Amino acid sequence: MIGRARVLSPFAVVPARSTDDEWVVQRVCGKGVAGLLIESVEQAARRLGEDTIYLTTKDSQTLYARYGWQHAGIVQYPDCDLYLMHKALG
């Protein structure tokens, strides 16, 4: 496996730093795998009828911005703050 991602229901809560978060193994970083994962999550959300999707990230907001995601705020957890981002699906 070189990476994974998942789509959660609008009411799902995943703790910060969960091992279930989207990720790409280091040896393939910079080869477009993250972009493929992002696009596959967006396509899955479209198939589910979602018109806007959200994510949190600790340090990858620049990556997501390249794919049209926009900053929506900060989510504060006891051990770290995460950036909240959103994307309208057309």
PDB file of N, CA and C in Angstrom:
ATOM      1  N   MET A   1       0.837  -1.162   0.000  1.00  0.00           N
ATOM      2  CA  MET A   1       0.000   0.000   0.000  1.00  0.00           C
ATOM      3  C   MET A   1       0.892   1.238   0.000  1.00  0.00           C
ATOM      4  N   ILE A   2       0.533   2.210  -0.832  1.00  0.00           N
ATOM      5  CA  ILE A   2       1.309   3.452  -0.888  1.00  0.00           C
ATOM      6  C   ILE A   2       0.548   4.633  -0.338  1.00  0.00           C
ATOM      7  N   GLY A   3      -0.742   4.493  -0.124  1.00  0.00           N
ATOM      8  CA  GLY A   3      -1.531   5.571   0.441  1.00  0.00           C
ATOM      9  C   GLY A   3      -2.961   5.147   0.632  1.00  0.00           C
ATOM     10  N   ARG A   4      -3.719   5.942   1.375  1.00  0.00           N
ATOM     11  CA  ARG A   4      -5.134   5.654   1.571  1.00  0.00           C
ATOM     12  C   ARG A   4      -5.878   6.918   1.940  1.00  0.00           C
ATOM     13  N   ALA A   5      -7.195   6.873   1.779  1.00  0.00           N
ATOM     14  CA  ALA A   5      -8.075   7.978   2.136  1.00  0.00           C
ATOM     15  C   ALA A   5      -9.453   7.385   2.368  1.00  0.00           C
ATOM     16  N   ARG A   6     -10.345   8.139   3.000  1.00  0.00           N
ATOM     17  CA  ARG A   6     -11.711   7.665   3.180  1.00  0.00           C
ATOM     18  C   ARG A   6     -12.671   8.827   3.260  1.00  0.00           C
ATOM     19  N   VAL A   7     -13.933   8.531   2.967  1.00  0.00           N
ATOM     20  CA  VAL A   7     -15.003   9.510   3.048  1.00  0.00           C
ATOM     21  C   VAL A   7     -15.839   9.150   4.266  1.00  0.00           C
ATOM     22  N   LEU A   8     -16.090  10.137   5.118  1.00  0.00           N
ATOM     23  CA  LEU A   8     -16.884   9.931   6.324  1.00  0.00           C
ATOM     24  C   LEU A   8     -18.231  10.605   6.174  1.00  0.00           C
ATOM     25  N   SER A   9     -19.187  10.156   6.960  1.00  0.00           N
ATOM     26  CA  SER A   9     -20.489  10.815   6.967  1.00  0.00           C
ATOM     27  C   SER A   9     -20.336  12.221   7.531  1.00  0.00           C
ATOM     28  N   PRO A  10     -21.325  13.091   7.281  1.00  0.00           N
ATOM     29  CA  PRO A  10     -21.228  14.461   7.792  1.00  0.00           C
ATOM     30  C   PRO A  10     -21.121  14.531   9.310  1.00  0.00           C
ATOM     31  N   PHE A  11     -21.509  13.469  10.006  1.00  0.00           N
ATOM     32  CA  PHE A  11     -21.525  13.500  11.458  1.00  0.00           C
ATOM     33  C   PHE A  11     -20.404  12.689  12.086  1.00  0.00           C
ATOM     34  N   ALA A  12     -19.508  12.170  11.275  1.00  0.00           N
ATOM     35  CA  ALA A  12     -18.407  11.359  11.796  1.00  0.00           C
ATOM     36  C   ALA A  12     -17.371  12.251  12.463  1.00  0.00           C
ATOM     37  N   VAL A  13     -16.775  11.733  13.502  1.00  0.00           N
ATOM     38  CA  VAL A  13     -15.706  12.434  14.204  1.00  0.00           C
ATOM     39  C   VAL A  13     -14.498  11.513  14.234  1.00  0.00           C
ATOM     40  N   VAL A  14     -13.374  11.996  13.726  1.00  0.00           N
ATOM     41  CA  VAL A  14     -12.131  11.231  13.744  1.00  0.00           C
ATOM     42  C   VAL A  14     -11.147  12.010  14.600  1.00  0.00           C
ATOM     43  N   PRO A  15     -10.594  11.408  15.631  1.00  0.00           N
ATOM     44  CA  PRO A  15      -9.653  12.143  16.486  1.00  0.00           C
ATOM     45  C   PRO A  15      -8.443  12.641  15.695  1.00  0.00           C
ATOM     46  N   ALA A  16      -7.891  13.741  16.138  1.00  0.00           N
ATOM     47  CA  ALA A  16      -6.680  14.274  15.513  1.00  0.00           C
ATOM     48  C   ALA A  16      -5.583  13.220  15.559  1.00  0.00           C
ATOM     49  N   ARG A  17      -4.767  13.203  14.516  1.00  0.00           N
ATOM     50  CA  ARG A  17      -3.645  12.274  14.397  1.00  0.00           C
ATOM     51  C   ARG A  17      -4.092  10.816  14.344  1.00  0.00           C
ATOM     52  N   SER A  18      -5.274  10.575  13.878  1.00  0.00           N
ATOM     53  CA  SER A  18      -5.762   9.205  13.744  1.00  0.00           C
ATOM     54  C   SER A  18      -4.982   8.472  12.668  1.00  0.00           C
ATOM     55  N   THR A  19      -4.774   7.183  12.849  1.00  0.00           N
ATOM     56  CA  THR A  19      -4.111   6.390  11.822  1.00  0.00           C
ATOM     57  C   THR A  19      -5.023   6.177  10.630  1.00  0.00           C
ATOM     58  N   ASP A  20      -6.301   6.578  10.736  1.00  0.00           N
ATOM     59  CA  ASP A  20      -7.234   6.431   9.626  1.00  0.00           C
ATOM     60  C   ASP A  20      -7.262   7.653   8.716  1.00  0.00           C
ATOM     61  N   ASP A  21      -6.510   8.696   9.048  1.00  0.00           N
ATOM     62  CA  ASP A  21      -6.483   9.880   8.205  1.00  0.00           C
ATOM     63  C   ASP A  21      -5.811   9.561   6.880  1.00  0.00           C
ATOM     64  N   GLU A  22      -6.104  10.399   5.880  1.00  0.00           N
ATOM     65  CA  GLU A  22      -5.449  10.245   4.575  1.00  0.00           C
ATOM     66  C   GLU A  22      -3.939  10.362   4.758  1.00  0.00           C
ATOM     67  N   TRP A  23      -3.181   9.540   4.047  1.00  0.00           N
ATOM     68  CA  TRP A  23      -1.726   9.635   4.101  1.00  0.00           C
ATOM     69  C   TRP A  23      -1.100   8.975   2.883  1.00  0.00           C
ATOM     70  N   VAL A  24       0.141   9.328   2.659  1.00  0.00           N
ATOM     71  CA  VAL A  24       0.930   8.750   1.553  1.00  0.00           C
ATOM     72  C   VAL A  24       2.281   8.370   2.130  1.00  0.00           C
ATOM     73  N   VAL A  25       2.755   7.170   1.827  1.00  0.00           N
ATOM     74  CA  VAL A  25       4.051   6.757   2.356  1.00  0.00           C
ATOM     75  C   VAL A  25       5.168   7.617   1.758  1.00  0.00           C
ATOM     76  N   GLN A  26       6.184   7.814   2.560  1.00  0.00           N
ATOM     77  CA  GLN A  26       7.260   8.750   2.224  1.00  0.00           C
ATOM     78  C   GLN A  26       7.932   8.442   0.886  1.00  0.00           C
ATOM     79  N   ARG A  27       8.123   7.178   0.553  1.00  0.00           N
ATOM     80  CA  ARG A  27       8.888   6.836  -0.662  1.00  0.00           C
ATOM     81  C   ARG A  27       8.207   7.274  -1.954  1.00  0.00           C
ATOM     82  N   VAL A  28       6.915   7.606  -1.919  1.00  0.00           N
ATOM     83  CA  VAL A  28       6.236   8.053  -3.139  1.00  0.00           C
ATOM     84  C   VAL A  28       5.796   9.512  -3.055  1.00  0.00           C
ATOM     85  N   CYS A  29       6.215  10.220  -2.012  1.00  0.00           N
ATOM     86  CA  CYS A  29       5.870  11.645  -1.914  1.00  0.00           C
ATOM     87  C   CYS A  29       6.420  12.394  -3.125  1.00  0.00           C
ATOM     88  N   GLY A  30       5.632  13.309  -3.654  1.00  0.00           N
ATOM     89  CA  GLY A  30       6.047  14.090  -4.803  1.00  0.00           C
ATOM     90  C   GLY A  30       5.775  13.421  -6.138  1.00  0.00           C
ATOM     91  N   LYS A  31       5.077  12.287  -6.127  1.00  0.00           N
ATOM     92  CA  LYS A  31       4.808  11.560  -7.372  1.00  0.00           C
ATOM     93  C   LYS A  31       3.328  11.585  -7.762  1.00  0.00           C
ATOM     94  N   GLY A  32       2.542  12.462  -7.119  1.00  0.00           N
ATOM     95  CA  GLY A  32       1.147  12.616  -7.506  1.00  0.00           C
ATOM     96  C   GLY A  32       0.152  11.722  -6.785  1.00  0.00           C
ATOM     97  N   VAL A  33       0.634  10.896  -5.864  1.00  0.00           N
ATOM     98  CA  VAL A  33      -0.270   9.982  -5.161  1.00  0.00           C
ATOM     99  C   VAL A  33      -1.256  10.747  -4.286  1.00  0.00           C
ATOM    100  N   ALA A  34      -0.807  11.757  -3.568  1.00  0.00           N
ATOM    101  CA  ALA A  34      -1.707  12.539  -2.721  1.00  0.00           C
ATOM    102  C   ALA A  34      -2.816  13.160  -3.566  1.00  0.00           C
ATOM    103  N   GLY A  35      -2.473  13.687  -4.722  1.00  0.00           N
ATOM    104  CA  GLY A  35      -3.477  14.277  -5.605  1.00  0.00           C
ATOM    105  C   GLY A  35      -4.506  13.259  -6.056  1.00  0.00           C
ATOM    106  N   LEU A  36      -4.066  12.043  -6.348  1.00  0.00           N
ATOM    107  CA  LEU A  36      -5.002  10.982  -6.727  1.00  0.00           C
ATOM    108  C   LEU A  36      -5.942  10.635  -5.579  1.00  0.00           C
ATOM    109  N   LEU A  37      -5.401  10.605  -4.357  1.00  0.00           N
ATOM    110  CA  LEU A  37      -6.242  10.332  -3.192  1.00  0.00           C
ATOM    111  C   LEU A  37      -7.262  11.449  -2.982  1.00  0.00           C
ATOM    112  N   ILE A  38      -6.814  12.683  -3.093  1.00  0.00           N
ATOM    113  CA  ILE A  38      -7.717  13.828  -2.927  1.00  0.00           C
ATOM    114  C   ILE A  38      -8.830  13.761  -3.963  1.00  0.00           C
ATOM    115  N   GLU A  39      -8.470  13.538  -5.215  1.00  0.00           N
ATOM    116  CA  GLU A  39      -9.469  13.467  -6.281  1.00  0.00           C
ATOM    117  C   GLU A  39     -10.421  12.291  -6.087  1.00  0.00           C
ATOM    118  N   SER A  40      -9.931  11.165  -5.589  1.00  0.00           N
ATOM    119  CA  SER A  40     -10.820  10.016  -5.383  1.00  0.00           C
ATOM    120  C   SER A  40     -11.807  10.279  -4.251  1.00  0.00           C
ATOM    121  N   VAL A  41     -11.376  10.964  -3.210  1.00  0.00           N
ATOM    122  CA  VAL A  41     -12.292  11.325  -2.126  1.00  0.00           C
ATOM    123  C   VAL A  41     -13.350  12.299  -2.641  1.00  0.00           C
ATOM    124  N   GLU A  42     -12.945  13.266  -3.444  1.00  0.00           N
ATOM    125  CA  GLU A  42     -13.902  14.222  -4.006  1.00  0.00           C
ATOM    126  C   GLU A  42     -14.924  13.515  -4.888  1.00  0.00           C
ATOM    127  N   GLN A  43     -14.463  12.586  -5.726  1.00  0.00           N
ATOM    128  CA  GLN A  43     -15.387  11.834  -6.591  1.00  0.00           C
ATOM    129  C   GLN A  43     -16.354  10.993  -5.767  1.00  0.00           C
ATOM    130  N   ALA A  44     -15.857  10.361  -4.713  1.00  0.00           N
ATOM    131  CA  ALA A  44     -16.728   9.550  -3.851  1.00  0.00           C
ATOM    132  C   ALA A  44     -17.785  10.428  -3.179  1.00  0.00           C
ATOM    133  N   ALA A  45     -17.386  11.609  -2.728  1.00  0.00           N
ATOM    134  CA  ALA A  45     -18.342  12.523  -2.099  1.00  0.00           C
ATOM    135  C   ALA A  45     -19.404  12.982  -3.104  1.00  0.00           C
ATOM    136  N   ARG A  46     -19.000  13.240  -4.337  1.00  0.00           N
ATOM    137  CA  ARG A  46     -19.967  13.604  -5.385  1.00  0.00           C
ATOM    138  C   ARG A  46     -20.970  12.478  -5.608  1.00  0.00           C
ATOM    139  N   ARG A  47     -20.473  11.243  -5.672  1.00  0.00           N
ATOM    140  CA  ARG A  47     -21.365  10.096  -5.871  1.00  0.00           C
ATOM    141  C   ARG A  47     -22.367   9.962  -4.715  1.00  0.00           C
ATOM    142  N   LEU A  48     -21.970  10.386  -3.531  1.00  0.00           N
ATOM    143  CA  LEU A  48     -22.857  10.345  -2.361  1.00  0.00           C
ATOM    144  C   LEU A  48     -23.796  11.543  -2.314  1.00  0.00           C
ATOM    145  N   GLY A  49     -23.667  12.455  -3.284  1.00  0.00           N
ATOM    146  CA  GLY A  49     -24.555  13.605  -3.358  1.00  0.00           C
ATOM    147  C   GLY A  49     -24.141  14.804  -2.521  1.00  0.00           C
ATOM    148  N   GLU A  50     -22.911  14.814  -2.046  1.00  0.00           N
ATOM    149  CA  GLU A  50     -22.426  15.946  -1.241  1.00  0.00           C
ATOM    150  C   GLU A  50     -22.110  17.123  -2.156  1.00  0.00           C
ATOM    151  N   ASP A  51     -22.418  18.331  -1.689  1.00  0.00           N
ATOM    152  CA  ASP A  51     -22.088  19.515  -2.481  1.00  0.00           C
ATOM    153  C   ASP A  51     -20.925  20.309  -1.892  1.00  0.00           C
ATOM    154  N   THR A  52     -20.603  20.071  -0.632  1.00  0.00           N
ATOM    155  CA  THR A  52     -19.455  20.697   0.022  1.00  0.00           C
ATOM    156  C   THR A  52     -18.808  19.658   0.921  1.00  0.00           C
ATOM    157  N   ILE A  53     -17.489  19.605   0.921  1.00  0.00           N
ATOM    158  CA  ILE A  53     -16.779  18.681   1.791  1.00  0.00           C
ATOM    159  C   ILE A  53     -15.750  19.432   2.626  1.00  0.00           C
ATOM    160  N   TYR A  54     -15.385  18.841   3.755  1.00  0.00           N
ATOM    161  CA  TYR A  54     -14.487  19.464   4.730  1.00  0.00           C
ATOM    162  C   TYR A  54     -13.384  18.501   5.108  1.00  0.00           C
ATOM    163  N   LEU A  55     -12.262  19.062   5.539  1.00  0.00           N
ATOM    164  CA  LEU A  55     -11.174  18.258   6.076  1.00  0.00           C
ATOM    165  C   LEU A  55     -10.422  19.081   7.107  1.00  0.00           C
ATOM    166  N   THR A  56      -9.653  18.384   7.932  1.00  0.00           N
ATOM    167  CA  THR A  56      -8.714  19.062   8.817  1.00  0.00           C
ATOM    168  C   THR A  56      -7.321  18.547   8.500  1.00  0.00           C
ATOM    169  N   THR A  57      -6.350  19.425   8.661  1.00  0.00           N
ATOM    170  CA  THR A  57      -4.958  19.059   8.417  1.00  0.00           C
ATOM    171  C   THR A  57      -4.062  19.841   9.367  1.00  0.00           C
ATOM    172  N   LYS A  58      -2.987  19.226   9.768  1.00  0.00           N
ATOM    173  CA  LYS A  58      -2.041  19.903  10.644  1.00  0.00           C
ATOM    174  C   LYS A  58      -1.078  20.771   9.844  1.00  0.00           C
ATOM    175  N   ASP A  59      -0.631  20.272   8.683  1.00  0.00           N
ATOM    176  CA  ASP A  59       0.422  20.996   7.976  1.00  0.00           C
ATOM    177  C   ASP A  59       0.383  20.864   6.457  1.00  0.00           C
ATOM    178  N   SER A  60      -0.732  20.401   5.896  1.00  0.00           N
ATOM    179  CA  SER A  60      -0.788  20.194   4.440  1.00  0.00           C
ATOM    180  C   SER A  60      -1.744  21.144   3.728  1.00  0.00           C
ATOM    181  N   GLN A  61      -2.017  22.308   4.322  1.00  0.00           N
ATOM    182  CA  GLN A  61      -2.977  23.223   3.711  1.00  0.00           C
ATOM    183  C   GLN A  61      -2.530  23.722   2.343  1.00  0.00           C
ATOM    184  N   THR A  62      -1.239  23.853   2.111  1.00  0.00           N
ATOM    185  CA  THR A  62      -0.741  24.280   0.798  1.00  0.00           C
ATOM    186  C   THR A  62      -1.057  23.231  -0.263  1.00  0.00           C
ATOM    187  N   LEU A  63      -0.876  21.964   0.075  1.00  0.00           N
ATOM    188  CA  LEU A  63      -1.199  20.880  -0.851  1.00  0.00           C
ATOM    189  C   LEU A  63      -2.681  20.932  -1.225  1.00  0.00           C
ATOM    190  N   TYR A  64      -3.551  21.009  -0.238  1.00  0.00           N
ATOM    191  CA  TYR A  64      -4.990  21.016  -0.518  1.00  0.00           C
ATOM    192  C   TYR A  64      -5.414  22.258  -1.295  1.00  0.00           C
ATOM    193  N   ALA A  65      -4.795  23.399  -1.009  1.00  0.00           N
ATOM    194  CA  ALA A  65      -5.127  24.633  -1.730  1.00  0.00           C
ATOM    195  C   ALA A  65      -4.859  24.479  -3.229  1.00  0.00           C
ATOM    196  N   ARG A  66      -3.847  23.708  -3.598  1.00  0.00           N
ATOM    197  CA  ARG A  66      -3.567  23.461  -5.021  1.00  0.00           C
ATOM    198  C   ARG A  66      -4.718  22.737  -5.714  1.00  0.00           C
ATOM    199  N   TYR A  67      -5.535  22.051  -4.935  1.00  0.00           N
ATOM    200  CA  TYR A  67      -6.676  21.314  -5.486  1.00  0.00           C
ATOM    201  C   TYR A  67      -8.000  22.036  -5.246  1.00  0.00           C
ATOM    202  N   GLY A  68      -7.924  23.326  -4.918  1.00  0.00           N
ATOM    203  CA  GLY A  68      -9.125  24.142  -4.801  1.00  0.00           C
ATOM    204  C   GLY A  68      -9.752  24.206  -3.430  1.00  0.00           C
ATOM    205  N   TRP A  69      -9.115  23.635  -2.427  1.00  0.00           N
ATOM    206  CA  TRP A  69      -9.642  23.703  -1.068  1.00  0.00           C
ATOM    207  C   TRP A  69      -9.361  25.082  -0.490  1.00  0.00           C
ATOM    208  N   GLN A  70     -10.271  25.572   0.363  1.00  0.00           N
ATOM    209  CA  GLN A  70     -10.132  26.900   0.963  1.00  0.00           C
ATOM    210  C   GLN A  70     -10.118  26.804   2.478  1.00  0.00           C
ATOM    211  N   HIS A  71      -9.368  27.711   3.088  1.00  0.00           N
ATOM    212  CA  HIS A  71      -9.275  27.774   4.551  1.00  0.00           C
ATOM    213  C   HIS A  71     -10.634  28.174   5.133  1.00  0.00           C
ATOM    214  N   ALA A  72     -11.074  27.467   6.176  1.00  0.00           N
ATOM    215  CA  ALA A  72     -12.366  27.771   6.792  1.00  0.00           C
ATOM    216  C   ALA A  72     -12.246  28.070   8.282  1.00  0.00           C
ATOM    217  N   GLY A  73     -11.078  27.891   8.856  1.00  0.00           N
ATOM    218  CA  GLY A  73     -10.915  28.175  10.278  1.00  0.00           C
ATOM    219  C   GLY A  73      -9.881  27.271  10.913  1.00  0.00           C
ATOM    220  N   ILE A  74      -9.858  27.303  12.235  1.00  0.00           N
ATOM    221  CA  ILE A  74      -8.936  26.492  13.028  1.00  0.00           C
ATOM    222  C   ILE A  74      -9.777  25.634  13.970  1.00  0.00           C
ATOM    223  N   VAL A  75      -9.432  24.365  14.083  1.00  0.00           N
ATOM    224  CA  VAL A  75     -10.065  23.466  15.037  1.00  0.00           C
ATOM    225  C   VAL A  75      -9.057  23.243  16.153  1.00  0.00           C
ATOM    226  N   GLN A  76      -9.458  23.560  17.382  1.00  0.00           N
ATOM    227  CA  GLN A  76      -8.537  23.455  18.506  1.00  0.00           C
ATOM    228  C   GLN A  76      -8.774  22.155  19.271  1.00  0.00           C
ATOM    229  N   TYR A  77      -7.715  21.385  19.390  1.00  0.00           N
ATOM    230  CA  TYR A  77      -7.701  20.180  20.206  1.00  0.00           C
ATOM    231  C   TYR A  77      -6.746  20.425  21.365  1.00  0.00           C
ATOM    232  N   PRO A  78      -6.865  19.670  22.438  1.00  0.00           N
ATOM    233  CA  PRO A  78      -5.971  19.899  23.590  1.00  0.00           C
ATOM    234  C   PRO A  78      -4.492  19.796  23.243  1.00  0.00           C
ATOM    235  N   ASP A  79      -4.126  18.894  22.318  1.00  0.00           N
ATOM    236  CA  ASP A  79      -2.706  18.697  22.041  1.00  0.00           C
ATOM    237  C   ASP A  79      -2.212  19.357  20.748  1.00  0.00           C
ATOM    238  N   CYS A  80      -3.129  19.917  19.933  1.00  0.00           N
ATOM    239  CA  CYS A  80      -2.694  20.599  18.705  1.00  0.00           C
ATOM    240  C   CYS A  80      -3.872  21.338  18.070  1.00  0.00           C
ATOM    241  N   ASP A  81      -3.557  22.279  17.226  1.00  0.00           N
ATOM    242  CA  ASP A  81      -4.562  22.978  16.426  1.00  0.00           C
ATOM    243  C   ASP A  81      -4.484  22.452  15.002  1.00  0.00           C
ATOM    244  N   LEU A  82      -5.645  22.295  14.361  1.00  0.00           N
ATOM    245  CA  LEU A  82      -5.692  21.831  12.980  1.00  0.00           C
ATOM    246  C   LEU A  82      -6.383  22.871  12.119  1.00  0.00           C
ATOM    247  N   TYR A  83      -5.967  22.960  10.871  1.00  0.00           N
ATOM    248  CA  TYR A  83      -6.614  23.841   9.914  1.00  0.00           C
ATOM    249  C   TYR A  83      -7.859  23.144   9.376  1.00  0.00           C
ATOM    250  N   LEU A  84      -8.980  23.847   9.377  1.00  0.00           N
ATOM    251  CA  LEU A  84     -10.219  23.352   8.773  1.00  0.00           C
ATOM    252  C   LEU A  84     -10.281  23.918   7.368  1.00  0.00           C
ATOM    253  N   MET A  85     -10.533  23.043   6.391  1.00  0.00           N
ATOM    254  CA  MET A  85     -10.628  23.467   4.992  1.00  0.00           C
ATOM    255  C   MET A  85     -11.910  22.914   4.393  1.00  0.00           C
ATOM    256  N   HIS A  86     -12.399  23.560   3.346  1.00  0.00           N
ATOM    257  CA  HIS A  86     -13.601  23.102   2.679  1.00  0.00           C
ATOM    258  C   HIS A  86     -13.460  23.257   1.176  1.00  0.00           C
ATOM    259  N   LYS A  87     -14.310  22.515   0.453  1.00  0.00           N
ATOM    260  CA  LYS A  87     -14.337  22.627  -0.998  1.00  0.00           C
ATOM    261  C   LYS A  87     -15.746  22.407  -1.481  1.00  0.00           C
ATOM    262  N   ALA A  88     -16.231  23.330  -2.309  1.00  0.00           N
ATOM    263  CA  ALA A  88     -17.529  23.166  -2.951  1.00  0.00           C
ATOM    264  C   ALA A  88     -17.337  22.255  -4.170  1.00  0.00           C
ATOM    265  N   LEU A  89     -18.193  21.260  -4.285  1.00  0.00           N
ATOM    266  CA  LEU A  89     -18.105  20.322  -5.402  1.00  0.00           C
ATOM    267  C   LEU A  89     -19.090  20.737  -6.477  1.00  0.00           C
ATOM    268  N   GLY A  90     -18.611  20.963  -7.673  1.00  0.00           N
ATOM    269  CA  GLY A  90     -19.465  21.436  -8.750  1.00  0.00           C
ATOM    270  C   GLY A  90     -19.996  20.359  -9.633  1.00  0.00           C
TER     271      GLY A  90
END
